[in-house]
């Protein structure tokens, strides 16, 4: 379930899907070669603090370089849910259909300041999010 505030999707954490279902969905996205670029964006330095204020998730790995380093990260990273909100928005705009569900596997952190590419896969409704040339998220969408 998602809620939308001023055009920003806020995915709700948790799901009634089983772990096996989520893993199977993630494998589908990896096996299928990516074919079409759906969207590209740069995660700005302000994305961490802005999404933190919006979501209420005050994890220090999303905020400042010094606090991210204290938590074992090299640099602050974007919220995974912020990435998924951008993914849902990009697919809704490109397909003109409402995303109603998703199952994802976060494989790599996306640092603030990074370039991100969203690619649709050959398998319908599956996609990957690339940070540089590495997979950051594997995912499968459901549409209304």
N, C-alpha and C. Protein backbone atom coordinates (compact mmCIF):
# COMPACT_ATOMS: atom_id res chain seq x y z
N UNK A 1 0.84 -1.17 0.00
CA UNK A 1 0.00 0.00 0.00
C UNK A 1 0.89 1.24 0.00
N UNK A 2 0.46 2.26 -0.70
CA UNK A 2 1.20 3.50 -0.76
C UNK A 2 0.28 4.66 -0.44
N UNK A 3 0.87 5.73 0.00
CA UNK A 3 0.12 6.97 0.10
C UNK A 3 0.90 8.02 -0.67
N UNK A 4 0.22 9.00 -1.16
CA UNK A 4 0.85 10.00 -2.01
C UNK A 4 0.61 11.37 -1.40
N UNK A 5 1.70 12.09 -1.13
CA UNK A 5 1.61 13.43 -0.58
C UNK A 5 2.32 14.36 -1.54
N UNK A 6 1.59 15.28 -2.13
CA UNK A 6 2.15 16.25 -3.08
C UNK A 6 2.95 15.56 -4.18
N UNK A 7 2.43 14.46 -4.72
CA UNK A 7 3.07 13.79 -5.83
C UNK A 7 4.23 12.89 -5.43
N UNK A 8 4.52 12.74 -4.13
CA UNK A 8 5.61 11.89 -3.68
C UNK A 8 5.01 10.61 -3.11
N UNK A 9 5.38 9.47 -3.68
CA UNK A 9 4.88 8.19 -3.19
C UNK A 9 5.62 7.82 -1.92
N UNK A 10 4.89 7.34 -0.93
CA UNK A 10 5.47 6.86 0.31
C UNK A 10 5.07 5.40 0.48
N UNK A 11 5.92 4.47 -0.01
CA UNK A 11 5.57 3.06 0.14
C UNK A 11 5.51 2.67 1.62
N UNK A 12 4.60 1.82 1.95
CA UNK A 12 4.47 1.31 3.31
C UNK A 12 5.36 0.09 3.46
N UNK A 13 6.20 0.09 4.48
CA UNK A 13 7.06 -1.06 4.71
C UNK A 13 6.24 -2.25 5.13
N UNK A 14 6.77 -3.42 4.81
CA UNK A 14 6.10 -4.65 5.20
C UNK A 14 5.17 -5.14 4.11
N UNK A 15 4.82 -6.38 4.21
CA UNK A 15 4.00 -6.97 3.18
C UNK A 15 3.44 -8.28 3.68
N UNK A 16 2.40 -8.74 3.04
CA UNK A 16 1.87 -10.04 3.40
C UNK A 16 2.46 -11.14 2.53
N UNK A 17 3.45 -10.78 1.69
CA UNK A 17 4.11 -11.78 0.87
C UNK A 17 5.06 -12.61 1.70
N UNK A 18 5.23 -13.85 1.32
CA UNK A 18 6.18 -14.71 2.00
C UNK A 18 7.59 -14.39 1.54
N UNK A 19 8.54 -14.79 2.32
CA UNK A 19 9.94 -14.57 1.96
C UNK A 19 10.26 -15.26 0.64
N UNK A 20 9.74 -16.46 0.43
CA UNK A 20 9.99 -17.19 -0.81
C UNK A 20 9.47 -16.43 -2.02
N UNK A 21 8.31 -15.79 -1.88
CA UNK A 21 7.75 -15.01 -2.99
C UNK A 21 8.65 -13.84 -3.32
N UNK A 22 9.11 -13.13 -2.29
CA UNK A 22 10.00 -11.99 -2.53
C UNK A 22 11.29 -12.44 -3.20
N UNK A 23 11.86 -13.56 -2.77
CA UNK A 23 13.10 -14.06 -3.36
C UNK A 23 12.89 -14.47 -4.81
N UNK A 24 11.77 -15.11 -5.09
CA UNK A 24 11.48 -15.53 -6.45
C UNK A 24 11.34 -14.32 -7.36
N UNK A 25 10.67 -13.29 -6.89
CA UNK A 25 10.51 -12.06 -7.68
C UNK A 25 11.87 -11.43 -7.95
N UNK A 26 12.72 -11.42 -6.96
CA UNK A 26 14.05 -10.83 -7.13
C UNK A 26 14.85 -11.62 -8.16
N UNK A 27 14.76 -12.95 -8.13
CA UNK A 27 15.51 -13.77 -9.10
C UNK A 27 15.03 -13.51 -10.52
N UNK A 28 13.74 -13.30 -10.71
CA UNK A 28 13.21 -13.02 -12.04
C UNK A 28 13.86 -11.77 -12.61
N UNK A 29 13.98 -10.73 -11.79
CA UNK A 29 14.56 -9.48 -12.26
C UNK A 29 16.03 -9.64 -12.62
N UNK A 30 16.75 -10.51 -11.92
CA UNK A 30 18.18 -10.70 -12.19
C UNK A 30 18.38 -11.51 -13.46
N UNK A 31 17.58 -12.56 -13.64
CA UNK A 31 17.75 -13.45 -14.78
C UNK A 31 17.41 -12.75 -16.09
N UNK A 32 16.39 -11.92 -16.07
CA UNK A 32 15.96 -11.25 -17.29
C UNK A 32 16.87 -10.07 -17.60
N UNK A 33 17.41 -10.02 -18.81
CA UNK A 33 18.26 -8.89 -19.15
C UNK A 33 17.46 -7.60 -19.25
N UNK A 34 18.05 -6.53 -18.76
CA UNK A 34 17.38 -5.24 -18.84
C UNK A 34 17.39 -4.76 -20.28
N UNK A 35 16.31 -4.13 -20.70
CA UNK A 35 16.23 -3.73 -22.09
C UNK A 35 15.94 -2.25 -22.30
N UNK A 36 15.00 -1.70 -21.57
CA UNK A 36 14.57 -0.33 -21.81
C UNK A 36 14.86 0.56 -20.62
N UNK A 37 15.45 1.71 -20.88
CA UNK A 37 15.66 2.70 -19.82
C UNK A 37 14.33 3.40 -19.59
N UNK A 38 13.84 3.32 -18.35
CA UNK A 38 12.57 3.94 -17.98
C UNK A 38 12.82 5.32 -17.39
N UNK A 39 13.93 5.46 -16.67
CA UNK A 39 14.23 6.75 -16.05
C UNK A 39 15.68 6.82 -15.58
N UNK A 40 16.16 8.03 -15.47
CA UNK A 40 17.50 8.29 -14.94
C UNK A 40 17.41 9.52 -14.05
N UNK A 41 18.16 9.52 -12.96
CA UNK A 41 18.18 10.68 -12.07
C UNK A 41 19.46 10.67 -11.26
N UNK A 42 19.76 11.83 -10.70
CA UNK A 42 20.88 11.96 -9.77
C UNK A 42 20.28 12.18 -8.38
N UNK A 43 20.74 11.39 -7.42
CA UNK A 43 20.27 11.53 -6.04
C UNK A 43 21.03 12.71 -5.44
N UNK A 44 20.34 13.79 -5.19
CA UNK A 44 21.00 15.00 -4.70
C UNK A 44 21.41 14.85 -3.24
N UNK A 45 22.31 15.69 -2.79
CA UNK A 45 22.76 15.67 -1.40
C UNK A 45 21.62 16.00 -0.44
N UNK A 46 20.63 16.75 -0.92
CA UNK A 46 19.49 17.12 -0.09
C UNK A 46 18.46 16.01 0.03
N UNK A 47 18.57 14.96 -0.79
CA UNK A 47 17.56 13.90 -0.81
C UNK A 47 17.47 13.17 0.53
N UNK A 48 18.61 12.92 1.17
CA UNK A 48 18.60 12.23 2.46
C UNK A 48 17.84 12.99 3.53
N UNK A 49 18.27 14.21 3.84
CA UNK A 49 17.55 14.99 4.86
C UNK A 49 16.10 15.30 4.49
N UNK A 50 15.83 15.55 3.21
CA UNK A 50 14.46 15.88 2.79
C UNK A 50 13.53 14.69 2.98
N UNK A 51 13.95 13.50 2.56
CA UNK A 51 13.10 12.32 2.71
C UNK A 51 13.01 11.91 4.19
N UNK A 52 14.07 12.15 4.94
CA UNK A 52 14.04 11.87 6.39
C UNK A 52 12.95 12.69 7.05
N UNK A 53 12.88 13.96 6.73
CA UNK A 53 11.86 14.83 7.31
C UNK A 53 10.46 14.40 6.89
N UNK A 54 10.33 13.97 5.65
CA UNK A 54 9.03 13.56 5.13
C UNK A 54 8.57 12.24 5.72
N UNK A 55 9.51 11.28 5.85
CA UNK A 55 9.14 9.93 6.28
C UNK A 55 9.19 9.73 7.79
N UNK A 56 9.99 10.54 8.47
CA UNK A 56 10.17 10.37 9.91
C UNK A 56 11.22 9.33 10.27
N UNK A 57 11.94 8.81 9.29
CA UNK A 57 13.00 7.82 9.50
C UNK A 57 14.32 8.57 9.68
N UNK A 58 14.72 8.77 10.93
CA UNK A 58 15.89 9.58 11.24
C UNK A 58 17.16 8.74 11.41
N UNK A 59 17.37 7.78 10.54
CA UNK A 59 18.57 6.96 10.57
C UNK A 59 19.76 7.82 10.15
N UNK A 60 20.83 7.87 10.95
CA UNK A 60 21.96 8.76 10.65
C UNK A 60 22.73 8.41 9.38
N UNK A 61 22.54 7.21 8.81
CA UNK A 61 23.26 6.89 7.57
C UNK A 61 22.71 7.68 6.38
N UNK A 62 21.56 8.33 6.56
CA UNK A 62 20.94 9.10 5.47
C UNK A 62 21.22 10.60 5.56
N UNK A 63 21.91 11.04 6.60
CA UNK A 63 21.93 12.48 6.88
C UNK A 63 23.26 13.18 6.60
N UNK A 64 24.31 12.85 7.29
CA UNK A 64 25.56 13.60 7.20
C UNK A 64 26.74 12.64 7.00
N UNK A 65 27.81 13.10 6.37
CA UNK A 65 28.98 12.23 6.17
C UNK A 65 29.55 11.69 7.48
N UNK A 66 29.65 12.52 8.50
CA UNK A 66 30.26 12.05 9.75
C UNK A 66 29.39 10.99 10.42
N UNK A 67 28.06 11.15 10.37
CA UNK A 67 27.20 10.16 11.02
C UNK A 67 27.13 8.87 10.19
N UNK A 68 27.20 8.99 8.88
CA UNK A 68 27.22 7.79 8.04
C UNK A 68 28.49 6.98 8.30
N UNK A 69 29.63 7.68 8.45
CA UNK A 69 30.89 6.98 8.73
C UNK A 69 30.84 6.30 10.09
N UNK A 70 30.22 6.93 11.08
CA UNK A 70 30.08 6.29 12.39
C UNK A 70 29.26 5.01 12.30
N UNK A 71 28.38 4.93 11.33
CA UNK A 71 27.52 3.76 11.16
C UNK A 71 28.10 2.75 10.16
N UNK A 72 29.36 2.98 9.72
CA UNK A 72 30.03 2.02 8.84
C UNK A 72 29.87 2.28 7.36
N UNK A 73 29.27 3.39 6.97
CA UNK A 73 29.12 3.72 5.56
C UNK A 73 30.21 4.70 5.16
N UNK A 74 30.58 4.69 3.88
CA UNK A 74 31.59 5.64 3.40
C UNK A 74 31.01 7.04 3.23
N UNK A 75 29.74 7.09 2.90
CA UNK A 75 29.06 8.35 2.63
C UNK A 75 27.57 8.16 2.96
N UNK A 76 26.82 9.23 3.16
CA UNK A 76 25.38 9.06 3.38
C UNK A 76 24.73 8.39 2.17
N UNK A 77 23.70 7.60 2.44
CA UNK A 77 22.99 6.90 1.38
C UNK A 77 21.53 7.34 1.35
N UNK A 78 20.91 7.16 0.21
CA UNK A 78 19.50 7.50 0.09
C UNK A 78 18.65 6.43 0.76
N UNK A 79 17.47 6.78 1.19
CA UNK A 79 16.52 5.83 1.74
C UNK A 79 16.09 4.86 0.63
N UNK A 80 16.01 3.59 0.94
CA UNK A 80 15.52 2.62 -0.04
C UNK A 80 14.10 2.92 -0.46
N UNK A 81 13.30 3.38 0.47
CA UNK A 81 11.90 3.69 0.15
C UNK A 81 11.80 4.92 -0.75
N UNK A 82 12.76 5.83 -0.64
CA UNK A 82 12.77 6.98 -1.53
C UNK A 82 13.08 6.52 -2.95
N UNK A 83 14.01 5.58 -3.07
CA UNK A 83 14.33 5.02 -4.39
C UNK A 83 13.10 4.33 -4.97
N UNK A 84 12.41 3.55 -4.15
CA UNK A 84 11.23 2.84 -4.63
C UNK A 84 10.11 3.81 -5.01
N UNK A 85 9.98 4.90 -4.29
CA UNK A 85 8.98 5.91 -4.65
C UNK A 85 9.27 6.49 -6.03
N UNK A 86 10.55 6.75 -6.30
CA UNK A 86 10.93 7.26 -7.63
C UNK A 86 10.66 6.23 -8.72
N UNK A 87 10.92 4.96 -8.40
CA UNK A 87 10.66 3.88 -9.35
C UNK A 87 9.17 3.83 -9.68
N UNK A 88 8.33 3.83 -8.66
CA UNK A 88 6.87 3.79 -8.89
C UNK A 88 6.42 4.97 -9.72
N UNK A 89 6.91 6.14 -9.40
CA UNK A 89 6.54 7.35 -10.14
C UNK A 89 6.97 7.24 -11.60
N UNK A 90 8.19 6.78 -11.85
CA UNK A 90 8.70 6.66 -13.22
C UNK A 90 7.86 5.68 -14.03
N UNK A 91 7.54 4.53 -13.44
CA UNK A 91 6.73 3.55 -14.17
C UNK A 91 5.31 4.05 -14.39
N UNK A 92 4.73 4.70 -13.42
CA UNK A 92 3.38 5.22 -13.60
C UNK A 92 3.33 6.27 -14.70
N UNK A 93 4.36 7.10 -14.78
CA UNK A 93 4.40 8.13 -15.82
C UNK A 93 4.65 7.52 -17.19
N UNK A 94 5.50 6.48 -17.27
CA UNK A 94 5.81 5.91 -18.57
C UNK A 94 4.70 4.98 -19.07
N UNK A 95 4.04 4.26 -18.17
CA UNK A 95 3.00 3.30 -18.57
C UNK A 95 1.59 3.84 -18.45
N UNK A 96 1.44 4.97 -17.76
CA UNK A 96 0.12 5.56 -17.52
C UNK A 96 -0.82 4.57 -16.82
N UNK A 97 -0.24 3.78 -15.89
CA UNK A 97 -1.01 2.83 -15.08
C UNK A 97 -0.56 2.99 -13.64
N UNK A 98 -1.44 2.70 -12.71
CA UNK A 98 -1.15 2.84 -11.28
C UNK A 98 -0.46 1.59 -10.74
N UNK A 99 0.68 1.79 -10.08
CA UNK A 99 1.38 0.70 -9.41
C UNK A 99 0.65 0.41 -8.10
N UNK A 100 0.31 -0.86 -7.87
CA UNK A 100 -0.42 -1.22 -6.66
C UNK A 100 0.39 -2.10 -5.71
N UNK A 101 1.46 -2.71 -6.20
CA UNK A 101 2.27 -3.55 -5.33
C UNK A 101 3.68 -3.67 -5.89
N UNK A 102 4.61 -4.01 -5.01
CA UNK A 102 5.97 -4.29 -5.45
C UNK A 102 6.65 -5.20 -4.45
N UNK A 103 7.59 -5.96 -4.96
CA UNK A 103 8.45 -6.80 -4.13
C UNK A 103 9.86 -6.49 -4.54
N UNK A 104 10.72 -6.19 -3.59
CA UNK A 104 12.06 -5.77 -3.99
C UNK A 104 13.13 -6.38 -3.10
N UNK A 105 14.33 -6.34 -3.62
CA UNK A 105 15.51 -6.78 -2.90
C UNK A 105 16.57 -5.71 -3.08
N UNK A 106 16.96 -5.10 -1.97
CA UNK A 106 18.01 -4.09 -2.01
C UNK A 106 19.35 -4.80 -1.97
N UNK A 107 20.15 -4.60 -3.02
CA UNK A 107 21.42 -5.30 -3.15
C UNK A 107 22.62 -4.41 -2.82
N UNK A 108 22.48 -3.12 -3.02
CA UNK A 108 23.60 -2.20 -2.85
C UNK A 108 23.06 -0.84 -2.45
N UNK A 109 23.77 -0.20 -1.55
CA UNK A 109 23.38 1.14 -1.12
C UNK A 109 23.60 2.14 -2.26
N UNK A 110 22.73 3.14 -2.32
CA UNK A 110 22.86 4.21 -3.31
C UNK A 110 23.30 5.47 -2.57
N UNK A 111 24.56 5.89 -2.77
CA UNK A 111 25.04 7.08 -2.05
C UNK A 111 24.39 8.36 -2.57
N UNK A 112 24.27 9.33 -1.67
CA UNK A 112 23.80 10.65 -2.10
C UNK A 112 24.80 11.19 -3.11
N UNK A 113 24.29 11.78 -4.18
CA UNK A 113 25.14 12.30 -5.25
C UNK A 113 25.33 11.32 -6.40
N UNK A 114 24.83 10.10 -6.27
CA UNK A 114 25.03 9.08 -7.31
C UNK A 114 24.03 9.23 -8.45
N UNK A 115 24.44 8.77 -9.62
CA UNK A 115 23.54 8.67 -10.77
C UNK A 115 22.88 7.31 -10.76
N UNK A 116 21.58 7.30 -11.03
CA UNK A 116 20.79 6.07 -10.96
C UNK A 116 20.06 5.90 -12.28
N UNK A 117 20.00 4.64 -12.76
CA UNK A 117 19.28 4.32 -13.99
C UNK A 117 18.26 3.23 -13.68
N UNK A 118 17.02 3.44 -14.09
CA UNK A 118 15.95 2.48 -13.93
C UNK A 118 15.71 1.81 -15.27
N UNK A 119 15.82 0.48 -15.30
CA UNK A 119 15.66 -0.26 -16.54
C UNK A 119 14.58 -1.33 -16.41
N UNK A 120 13.69 -1.37 -17.40
CA UNK A 120 12.68 -2.43 -17.46
C UNK A 120 13.34 -3.68 -18.00
N UNK A 121 12.91 -4.83 -17.53
CA UNK A 121 13.45 -6.11 -17.98
C UNK A 121 12.54 -6.74 -19.02
N UNK A 122 13.05 -7.79 -19.65
CA UNK A 122 12.28 -8.53 -20.65
C UNK A 122 11.05 -9.18 -20.02
N UNK A 123 11.20 -9.66 -18.79
CA UNK A 123 10.06 -10.27 -18.09
C UNK A 123 9.11 -9.13 -17.70
N UNK A 124 7.83 -9.22 -18.08
CA UNK A 124 6.89 -8.13 -17.78
C UNK A 124 6.85 -7.78 -16.30
N UNK A 125 6.81 -6.53 -16.01
CA UNK A 125 6.72 -5.90 -14.69
C UNK A 125 7.98 -6.04 -13.84
N UNK A 126 9.05 -6.62 -14.34
CA UNK A 126 10.28 -6.70 -13.55
C UNK A 126 11.26 -5.62 -14.03
N UNK A 127 12.13 -5.20 -13.13
CA UNK A 127 13.10 -4.17 -13.48
C UNK A 127 14.29 -4.21 -12.53
N UNK A 128 15.31 -3.45 -12.90
CA UNK A 128 16.48 -3.27 -12.03
C UNK A 128 16.77 -1.78 -11.92
N UNK A 129 17.32 -1.41 -10.79
CA UNK A 129 17.81 -0.05 -10.56
C UNK A 129 19.33 -0.17 -10.51
N UNK A 130 20.00 0.56 -11.39
CA UNK A 130 21.45 0.53 -11.45
C UNK A 130 22.04 1.79 -10.83
N UNK A 131 23.08 1.61 -10.05
CA UNK A 131 23.87 2.72 -9.52
C UNK A 131 25.24 2.54 -10.14
N UNK A 132 25.56 3.40 -11.10
CA UNK A 132 26.75 3.16 -11.90
C UNK A 132 26.47 1.95 -12.78
N UNK A 133 27.34 0.95 -12.73
CA UNK A 133 27.13 -0.26 -13.52
C UNK A 133 26.73 -1.46 -12.67
N UNK A 134 26.34 -1.21 -11.41
CA UNK A 134 25.99 -2.29 -10.49
C UNK A 134 24.53 -2.23 -10.09
N UNK A 135 23.94 -3.40 -9.89
CA UNK A 135 22.53 -3.48 -9.50
C UNK A 135 22.38 -3.05 -8.06
N UNK A 136 21.53 -2.06 -7.83
CA UNK A 136 21.23 -1.60 -6.47
C UNK A 136 19.94 -2.22 -5.96
N UNK A 137 18.97 -2.39 -6.85
CA UNK A 137 17.67 -2.95 -6.46
C UNK A 137 17.16 -3.85 -7.59
N UNK A 138 16.60 -5.00 -7.22
CA UNK A 138 15.90 -5.87 -8.16
C UNK A 138 14.44 -5.84 -7.72
N UNK A 139 13.54 -5.82 -8.69
CA UNK A 139 12.16 -5.61 -8.28
C UNK A 139 11.15 -6.13 -9.27
N UNK A 140 9.94 -6.33 -8.79
CA UNK A 140 8.78 -6.70 -9.61
C UNK A 140 7.61 -5.84 -9.16
N UNK A 141 6.89 -5.28 -10.13
CA UNK A 141 5.74 -4.42 -9.86
C UNK A 141 4.43 -5.15 -10.10
N UNK A 142 3.38 -4.65 -9.46
CA UNK A 142 2.02 -5.07 -9.76
C UNK A 142 1.22 -3.84 -10.15
N UNK A 143 0.37 -3.98 -11.15
CA UNK A 143 -0.43 -2.85 -11.62
C UNK A 143 -1.90 -3.07 -11.34
N UNK A 144 -2.62 -1.97 -11.27
CA UNK A 144 -4.07 -2.03 -11.08
C UNK A 144 -4.71 -2.49 -12.37
